[in-house]
N, C-alpha and C. Protein backbone atom coordinates (compact mmCIF):
# COMPACT_ATOMS: atom_id res chain seq x y z
N MET A 1 0.95 -1.38 0.36
CA MET A 1 -0.05 -0.23 0.27
C MET A 1 0.93 0.82 -0.14
N THR A 2 0.77 2.24 -1.09
CA THR A 2 1.09 3.24 -0.84
C THR A 2 0.48 4.51 0.01
N ILE A 3 1.26 5.08 0.70
CA ILE A 3 0.60 5.88 1.49
C ILE A 3 1.20 7.56 0.35
N HIS A 4 -0.05 8.45 0.58
CA HIS A 4 -0.24 9.84 -0.06
C HIS A 4 0.45 10.91 0.81
N GLN A 5 1.18 11.49 -0.33
CA GLN A 5 2.33 12.74 0.51
C GLN A 5 2.17 14.17 -0.24
N ILE A 6 1.42 14.76 0.68
CA ILE A 6 1.42 15.91 0.02
C ILE A 6 2.64 17.01 -0.07
N SER A 7 2.53 17.46 -1.36
CA SER A 7 3.78 18.98 -1.50
C SER A 7 3.43 19.81 -1.94
N VAL A 8 3.44 20.62 -1.18
CA VAL A 8 3.06 22.06 -1.27
C VAL A 8 4.24 23.33 -1.41
N PHE A 9 4.00 23.62 -2.46
CA PHE A 9 4.86 24.83 -3.17
C PHE A 9 4.54 25.87 -2.29
N LEU A 10 5.85 26.17 -2.10
CA LEU A 10 6.13 27.74 -1.13
C LEU A 10 7.11 28.87 -1.56
N GLU A 11 6.35 29.69 -1.36
CA GLU A 11 7.05 31.10 -1.76
C GLU A 11 8.64 31.22 -0.46
N ASN A 12 9.88 31.54 -0.88
CA ASN A 12 10.59 31.78 0.00
C ASN A 12 10.39 33.24 1.23
N ARG A 13 9.85 32.84 2.16
CA ARG A 13 9.34 34.28 3.02
C ARG A 13 9.06 33.69 3.92
N ALA A 14 9.74 34.42 5.02
CA ALA A 14 9.48 34.32 6.61
C ALA A 14 8.02 33.87 7.08
N GLY A 15 7.60 33.28 7.93
CA GLY A 15 6.33 32.92 8.45
C GLY A 15 5.29 31.75 7.66
N GLN A 16 5.89 31.73 6.17
CA GLN A 16 4.92 30.89 5.39
C GLN A 16 4.88 29.19 6.08
N LEU A 17 6.03 28.63 6.39
CA LEU A 17 5.72 27.84 6.78
C LEU A 17 4.64 27.32 8.34
N ALA A 18 5.04 28.50 9.17
CA ALA A 18 3.93 28.56 10.34
C ALA A 18 2.75 28.82 9.69
N ASP A 19 2.28 29.63 8.63
CA ASP A 19 0.94 29.67 8.30
C ASP A 19 0.38 28.40 8.15
N ILE A 20 1.20 26.90 7.18
CA ILE A 20 0.47 25.93 7.25
C ILE A 20 0.74 24.77 8.26
N THR A 21 1.53 25.13 8.69
CA THR A 21 1.37 24.58 10.09
C THR A 21 -0.01 24.82 11.25
N GLY A 22 -0.24 26.10 11.11
CA GLY A 22 -0.61 26.81 11.95
C GLY A 22 -2.97 26.63 11.13
N ILE A 23 -2.71 26.46 10.11
CA ILE A 23 -3.77 25.92 9.31
C ILE A 23 -4.13 24.58 9.90
N LEU A 24 -3.42 23.61 9.66
CA LEU A 24 -3.60 22.48 9.46
C LEU A 24 -3.77 21.96 11.09
N SER A 25 -3.17 22.42 11.73
CA SER A 25 -3.65 22.76 13.51
C SER A 25 -4.64 23.15 13.66
N ASP A 26 -5.14 24.18 13.51
CA ASP A 26 -6.82 24.88 13.84
C ASP A 26 -7.49 24.15 13.22
N ASN A 27 -7.30 23.03 12.12
CA ASN A 27 -8.22 21.94 11.41
C ASN A 27 -8.36 20.44 12.08
N HIS A 28 -7.17 20.62 13.11
CA HIS A 28 -6.88 19.36 13.88
C HIS A 28 -6.31 18.38 12.95
N VAL A 29 -5.42 18.48 12.16
CA VAL A 29 -4.76 17.36 11.10
C VAL A 29 -3.30 17.15 11.49
N ASP A 30 -3.22 16.05 12.14
CA ASP A 30 -2.02 15.67 12.51
C ASP A 30 -0.97 15.05 11.74
N LEU A 31 0.35 15.59 12.14
CA LEU A 31 1.51 15.68 10.99
C LEU A 31 2.21 13.98 11.77
N ARG A 32 2.79 13.40 10.77
CA ARG A 32 3.31 12.42 10.75
C ARG A 32 4.94 12.43 10.23
N ALA A 33 5.39 13.13 9.37
CA ALA A 33 6.29 13.50 8.83
C ALA A 33 6.37 14.74 8.14
N ILE A 34 7.27 15.27 8.16
CA ILE A 34 7.75 17.21 7.43
C ILE A 34 8.86 16.95 6.80
N ASN A 35 9.13 17.41 6.10
CA ASN A 35 10.19 17.48 4.73
C ASN A 35 10.24 19.01 4.42
N ILE A 36 11.54 19.58 4.12
CA ILE A 36 11.14 20.77 3.33
C ILE A 36 12.61 20.85 2.39
N ALA A 37 12.62 20.96 1.41
CA ALA A 37 13.41 21.17 0.04
C ALA A 37 13.63 22.80 -0.27
N GLU A 38 14.18 23.02 -0.97
CA GLU A 38 14.37 24.52 -1.16
C GLU A 38 15.22 24.76 -2.45
N THR A 39 14.75 26.03 -2.94
CA THR A 39 15.62 26.59 -3.79
C THR A 39 16.02 28.20 -3.93
N ALA A 40 16.51 28.97 -4.41
CA ALA A 40 16.60 30.07 -4.48
C ALA A 40 15.09 30.99 -4.65
N ASP A 41 14.31 30.05 -5.06
CA ASP A 41 12.85 31.42 -5.13
C ASP A 41 11.99 30.55 -4.41
N TYR A 42 11.68 29.15 -4.23
CA TYR A 42 10.36 28.63 -3.50
C TYR A 42 11.21 27.34 -2.93
N GLY A 43 10.62 26.91 -1.84
CA GLY A 43 10.77 25.32 -1.37
C GLY A 43 9.61 24.82 -1.67
N VAL A 44 9.97 23.44 -1.02
CA VAL A 44 8.52 22.39 -1.32
C VAL A 44 8.42 21.78 0.12
N LEU A 45 7.52 21.83 0.49
CA LEU A 45 6.95 21.13 1.65
C LEU A 45 6.33 19.74 1.34
N ARG A 46 7.32 18.98 1.65
CA ARG A 46 6.49 17.38 2.04
C ARG A 46 5.88 16.83 3.19
N LEU A 47 4.52 16.46 3.23
CA LEU A 47 4.11 16.56 4.32
C LEU A 47 3.09 14.92 3.98
N ILE A 48 3.09 14.09 5.23
CA ILE A 48 2.51 13.29 5.41
C ILE A 48 1.49 13.32 6.73
N VAL A 49 0.29 13.02 6.10
CA VAL A 49 -0.71 13.39 7.76
C VAL A 49 -1.94 12.48 7.94
N ASP A 50 -2.44 12.70 9.13
CA ASP A 50 -3.49 11.30 9.51
C ASP A 50 -4.49 11.30 8.25
N ASP A 51 -4.38 12.54 7.78
CA ASP A 51 -5.89 12.92 6.50
C ASP A 51 -5.05 13.32 5.53
N ALA A 52 -5.07 12.94 4.19
CA ALA A 52 -4.28 13.33 3.40
C ALA A 52 -5.44 14.35 2.51
N GLN A 53 -6.45 13.43 2.47
CA GLN A 53 -7.64 14.06 1.25
C GLN A 53 -8.20 15.29 2.34
N ARG A 54 -8.32 15.19 3.56
CA ARG A 54 -8.98 16.80 3.71
C ARG A 54 -7.96 17.40 4.29
N ALA A 55 -6.49 17.69 4.61
CA ALA A 55 -5.52 18.43 4.70
C ALA A 55 -5.34 18.90 3.11
N SER A 56 -5.68 18.25 1.89
CA SER A 56 -5.14 18.83 0.90
C SER A 56 -6.37 19.56 0.55
N SER A 57 -7.38 19.41 0.86
CA SER A 57 -8.57 20.12 0.56
C SER A 57 -8.22 21.48 1.17
N ILE A 58 -8.21 21.43 2.37
CA ILE A 58 -8.06 22.72 3.34
C ILE A 58 -7.21 24.07 2.75
N LEU A 59 -6.21 23.22 2.76
CA LEU A 59 -4.81 23.44 1.83
C LEU A 59 -5.18 24.55 0.36
N LEU A 60 -5.85 23.88 -0.40
CA LEU A 60 -6.19 24.33 -1.72
C LEU A 60 -7.67 24.94 -1.16
N GLU A 61 -8.39 25.39 -0.17
CA GLU A 61 -9.40 26.14 0.14
C GLU A 61 -8.84 27.53 0.55
N GLN A 62 -7.22 27.06 1.05
CA GLN A 62 -6.31 28.38 1.66
C GLN A 62 -5.61 29.15 0.25
N GLY A 63 -5.55 28.17 -0.62
CA GLY A 63 -4.78 29.18 -1.65
C GLY A 63 -3.43 28.57 -2.39
N PHE A 64 -3.18 27.48 -1.39
CA PHE A 64 -1.95 26.81 -1.48
C PHE A 64 -1.87 25.70 -3.27
N ILE A 65 -0.49 25.93 -3.27
CA ILE A 65 -0.53 24.90 -4.90
C ILE A 65 0.19 23.89 -4.75
N LEU A 66 -0.28 22.20 -4.29
CA LEU A 66 0.07 21.30 -4.05
C LEU A 66 -0.35 20.03 -5.28
N THR A 67 0.61 19.18 -4.61
CA THR A 67 0.29 18.14 -5.17
C THR A 67 0.40 16.87 -4.17
N MET A 68 -0.21 15.62 -5.05
CA MET A 68 -0.28 14.49 -4.10
C MET A 68 0.65 13.36 -4.83
N THR A 69 1.59 13.14 -3.76
CA THR A 69 2.26 11.89 -4.73
C THR A 69 2.32 10.74 -3.68
N PRO A 70 2.20 9.60 -4.49
CA PRO A 70 2.43 7.81 -3.60
C PRO A 70 3.96 7.56 -3.20
N VAL A 71 4.18 7.59 -2.03
CA VAL A 71 5.38 7.23 -1.79
C VAL A 71 5.37 5.84 -0.80
N VAL A 72 6.48 5.00 -0.28
CA VAL A 72 6.43 4.06 0.34
C VAL A 72 6.94 4.36 1.87
N ALA A 73 6.35 3.97 2.73
CA ALA A 73 6.98 3.56 4.26
C ALA A 73 7.41 2.26 4.59
N VAL A 74 8.56 2.66 4.72
CA VAL A 74 9.61 1.54 5.24
C VAL A 74 10.00 1.47 6.89
N ALA A 75 9.35 0.02 7.61
CA ALA A 75 10.14 -0.06 8.97
C ALA A 75 12.24 -0.30 8.88
N VAL A 76 12.32 0.72 9.44
CA VAL A 76 13.47 0.39 9.26
C VAL A 76 14.61 -0.32 11.22
N PRO A 77 15.00 -0.83 11.24
CA PRO A 77 15.66 -1.47 12.72
C PRO A 77 16.32 -0.34 13.14
N ASP A 78 15.77 0.34 14.04
CA ASP A 78 16.44 1.36 14.93
C ASP A 78 17.31 1.03 15.88
N ARG A 79 18.70 0.68 14.98
CA ARG A 79 20.04 0.47 15.48
C ARG A 79 20.87 0.96 14.52
N PRO A 80 22.09 1.03 14.90
CA PRO A 80 23.17 1.19 14.01
C PRO A 80 23.65 0.33 13.10
N GLY A 81 23.00 0.87 11.63
CA GLY A 81 23.70 0.05 10.43
C GLY A 81 21.91 -0.44 10.24
N GLY A 82 21.03 0.02 10.70
CA GLY A 82 19.45 -0.34 10.21
C GLY A 82 19.26 0.05 9.06
N LEU A 83 19.39 1.45 8.91
CA LEU A 83 18.75 2.25 8.13
C LEU A 83 20.11 1.32 6.40
N ASN A 84 21.26 1.38 6.71
CA ASN A 84 21.88 0.96 6.02
C ASN A 84 21.55 -0.44 5.20
N GLU A 85 21.25 -1.18 6.03
CA GLU A 85 20.81 -2.84 5.32
C GLU A 85 19.52 -2.48 4.64
N VAL A 86 18.77 -1.83 4.73
CA VAL A 86 17.88 -1.16 3.91
C VAL A 86 18.12 -0.72 2.37
N LEU A 87 19.05 -0.01 2.75
CA LEU A 87 19.25 0.86 1.96
C LEU A 87 20.66 0.05 0.46
N GLN A 88 21.32 -0.96 1.47
CA GLN A 88 22.17 -1.72 0.57
C GLN A 88 21.04 -2.85 -0.55
N VAL A 89 19.80 -3.12 0.25
CA VAL A 89 19.07 -4.26 -0.67
C VAL A 89 18.37 -3.22 -1.50
N ILE A 90 18.02 -1.86 -1.63
CA ILE A 90 16.95 -1.30 -2.57
C ILE A 90 18.19 -0.66 -3.78
N SER A 91 19.74 -0.79 -3.04
CA SER A 91 20.97 -0.50 -4.00
C SER A 91 21.07 -1.83 -5.33
N ARG A 92 21.18 -2.89 -4.52
CA ARG A 92 21.08 -4.44 -5.31
C ARG A 92 20.27 -4.05 -6.49
N GLU A 93 19.04 -3.73 -5.83
CA GLU A 93 18.15 -4.16 -7.25
C GLU A 93 17.99 -2.95 -8.14
N GLY A 94 18.77 -1.79 -8.11
CA GLY A 94 18.77 -0.90 -9.32
C GLY A 94 17.83 0.10 -8.93
N ILE A 95 17.28 0.16 -7.67
CA ILE A 95 16.14 1.44 -7.24
C ILE A 95 16.73 2.85 -6.71
N ASP A 96 16.60 3.18 -7.67
CA ASP A 96 17.04 4.86 -7.14
C ASP A 96 15.72 5.50 -6.12
N VAL A 97 16.45 5.84 -5.50
CA VAL A 97 15.72 6.72 -4.46
C VAL A 97 15.96 8.05 -4.99
N GLU A 98 14.50 8.97 -5.47
CA GLU A 98 14.60 10.13 -5.24
C GLU A 98 15.05 11.01 -4.43
N TYR A 99 14.51 10.51 -2.98
CA TYR A 99 14.35 11.44 -2.29
C TYR A 99 13.95 10.65 -0.74
N MET A 100 14.44 10.93 0.47
CA MET A 100 13.56 10.48 1.79
C MET A 100 13.80 11.15 2.78
N TYR A 101 13.43 10.57 3.64
CA TYR A 101 12.97 11.40 5.32
C TYR A 101 12.23 10.40 5.87
N SER A 102 12.23 10.88 7.74
CA SER A 102 11.98 9.90 8.73
C SER A 102 10.28 10.31 8.79
N VAL A 103 9.68 9.56 9.62
CA VAL A 103 8.70 9.93 10.00
C VAL A 103 9.11 10.46 11.79
N PHE A 104 7.78 11.11 12.25
CA PHE A 104 8.32 11.59 13.76
C PHE A 104 7.97 9.85 14.72
N GLY A 105 9.06 9.41 15.48
CA GLY A 105 8.48 8.58 16.66
C GLY A 105 9.31 7.54 15.90
N GLN A 106 9.29 6.84 16.98
CA GLN A 106 9.37 5.06 16.53
C GLN A 106 8.62 3.81 17.74
N LYS A 107 8.22 2.83 17.20
CA LYS A 107 7.90 2.08 17.99
C LYS A 107 8.08 0.54 17.89
N ASN A 108 8.08 -0.10 19.18
CA ASN A 108 8.60 -1.86 18.33
C ASN A 108 10.32 -1.66 18.07
N GLY A 109 11.28 -0.90 18.94
CA GLY A 109 12.24 -0.99 17.77
C GLY A 109 12.82 -0.64 16.23
N LEU A 110 11.19 -0.32 15.52
CA LEU A 110 11.45 0.38 14.65
C LEU A 110 11.26 1.67 14.34
N ALA A 111 12.26 2.10 13.47
CA ALA A 111 12.05 3.50 13.34
C ALA A 111 11.47 3.56 11.73
N TYR A 112 10.89 4.57 11.13
CA TYR A 112 10.07 4.77 9.82
C TYR A 112 10.66 5.71 9.05
N MET A 113 10.47 5.31 7.43
CA MET A 113 11.50 5.96 6.71
C MET A 113 10.51 5.93 5.34
N ILE A 114 10.39 7.23 4.66
CA ILE A 114 9.17 7.39 3.46
C ILE A 114 10.18 7.71 2.63
N PHE A 115 9.76 6.66 1.27
CA PHE A 115 11.05 6.67 0.45
C PHE A 115 10.00 6.77 -1.00
N ARG A 116 10.88 7.58 -2.06
CA ARG A 116 9.88 8.05 -3.24
C ARG A 116 10.59 7.63 -3.75
N VAL A 117 10.16 6.38 -4.96
CA VAL A 117 10.64 6.02 -5.76
C VAL A 117 10.12 6.09 -7.13
N ALA A 118 10.99 5.73 -8.25
CA ALA A 118 9.77 5.90 -9.74
C ALA A 118 8.86 4.51 -9.82
N ASP A 119 9.07 3.51 -9.18
CA ASP A 119 8.28 2.19 -9.21
C ASP A 119 8.17 2.02 -7.62
N ALA A 120 6.88 2.62 -7.02
CA ALA A 120 6.48 2.08 -5.58
C ALA A 120 6.54 0.73 -5.16
N GLU A 121 6.06 0.11 -6.34
CA GLU A 121 5.14 -1.67 -6.10
C GLU A 121 6.67 -2.36 -6.43
N LEU A 122 7.35 -1.96 -7.28
CA LEU A 122 8.58 -2.93 -7.35
C LEU A 122 9.31 -2.62 -5.94
N LEU A 123 9.48 -1.37 -5.55
CA LEU A 123 10.47 -1.24 -4.47
C LEU A 123 9.90 -2.25 -3.14
N ARG A 124 7.97 -1.85 -3.23
CA ARG A 124 7.46 -3.11 -1.87
C ARG A 124 7.64 -5.03 -1.97
N ALA A 125 7.99 -4.90 -3.64
CA ALA A 125 8.27 -6.51 -3.84
C ALA A 125 10.00 -6.77 -3.54
N VAL A 126 10.28 -6.19 -3.62
CA VAL A 126 11.98 -6.05 -3.42
C VAL A 126 12.27 -6.13 -1.63
N LEU A 127 11.36 -5.34 -1.47
CA LEU A 127 11.17 -5.47 0.19
C LEU A 127 10.99 -6.58 1.12
N THR A 128 9.79 -7.20 0.08
CA THR A 128 9.13 -8.47 1.11
C THR A 128 10.11 -9.40 0.71
N ALA A 129 10.66 -9.31 -0.73
CA ALA A 129 11.51 -10.34 -1.26
C ALA A 129 12.66 -10.53 0.13
N ASN A 130 13.16 -9.32 0.34
CA ASN A 130 14.16 -9.40 1.39
C ASN A 130 13.91 -9.61 3.19
N GLY A 131 12.94 -9.98 3.12
CA GLY A 131 12.12 -9.65 4.47
C GLY A 131 12.01 -8.61 5.36
N LEU A 132 11.97 -7.03 4.64
CA LEU A 132 11.63 -6.23 5.25
C LEU A 132 10.28 -5.38 4.94
N ASP A 133 9.78 -4.69 5.58
CA ASP A 133 8.49 -4.23 5.42
C ASP A 133 7.90 -3.02 5.35
N ALA A 134 7.35 -3.15 4.11
CA ALA A 134 6.72 -1.89 3.52
C ALA A 134 5.38 -1.79 4.71
N VAL A 135 5.23 -0.78 5.01
CA VAL A 135 4.11 -0.24 6.08
C VAL A 135 2.78 0.13 5.66
N ALA A 136 1.96 -0.39 6.22
CA ALA A 136 0.61 0.23 5.65
C ALA A 136 0.35 1.52 6.48
N GLY A 137 -0.36 2.06 5.54
CA GLY A 137 -1.09 3.70 6.47
C GLY A 137 -1.41 3.53 7.95
N GLU A 138 -2.02 3.16 8.13
CA GLU A 138 -2.39 2.91 8.92
C GLU A 138 -2.11 2.30 10.49
N GLU A 139 -0.88 1.65 10.60
CA GLU A 139 0.13 1.81 11.19
C GLU A 139 0.95 2.67 11.64
N LEU A 140 0.76 3.93 10.74
CA LEU A 140 1.52 5.13 10.66
C LEU A 140 -0.25 6.13 11.31
N GLY A 141 -0.76 5.73 11.34
CA GLY A 141 -2.41 6.76 12.23
C GLY A 141 -2.32 7.51 10.73
N VAL A 142 -2.56 6.92 9.75
CA VAL A 142 -2.94 7.21 8.14
C VAL A 142 -3.67 6.68 7.40
N HIS A 143 -4.81 7.36 7.32
CA HIS A 143 -5.79 6.82 6.64
C HIS A 143 -6.11 7.69 5.46
């Protein structure tokens, strides 16, 4: 199962990130992961939230430009070398990671990473074949 990531395009100006988190907070949208990348002219805010459809609607109503992107959440052993083990499997299969970032918190000795790749189904199959877990949204509190 893929998880829906919201990518919001931002102007590079003070306060815009706080505007978005404030809007989401006021509407009781819970953040699960957040990542921001920037260029000189704009930023891209990537969000995993508890309800992506609702959050997208709210942000669109407020005039933000956004896209929804399928991503894969992966359980990673929360110990030295845990992430490297996952990345080695992905690398051996020739899968290019476009970007990745972590999810807030961990449980049962596992951390969670969000991966954006060209073929999410291939990534899930490779992970499963190598005894690793792609995580359903429900496990992260995402629906």
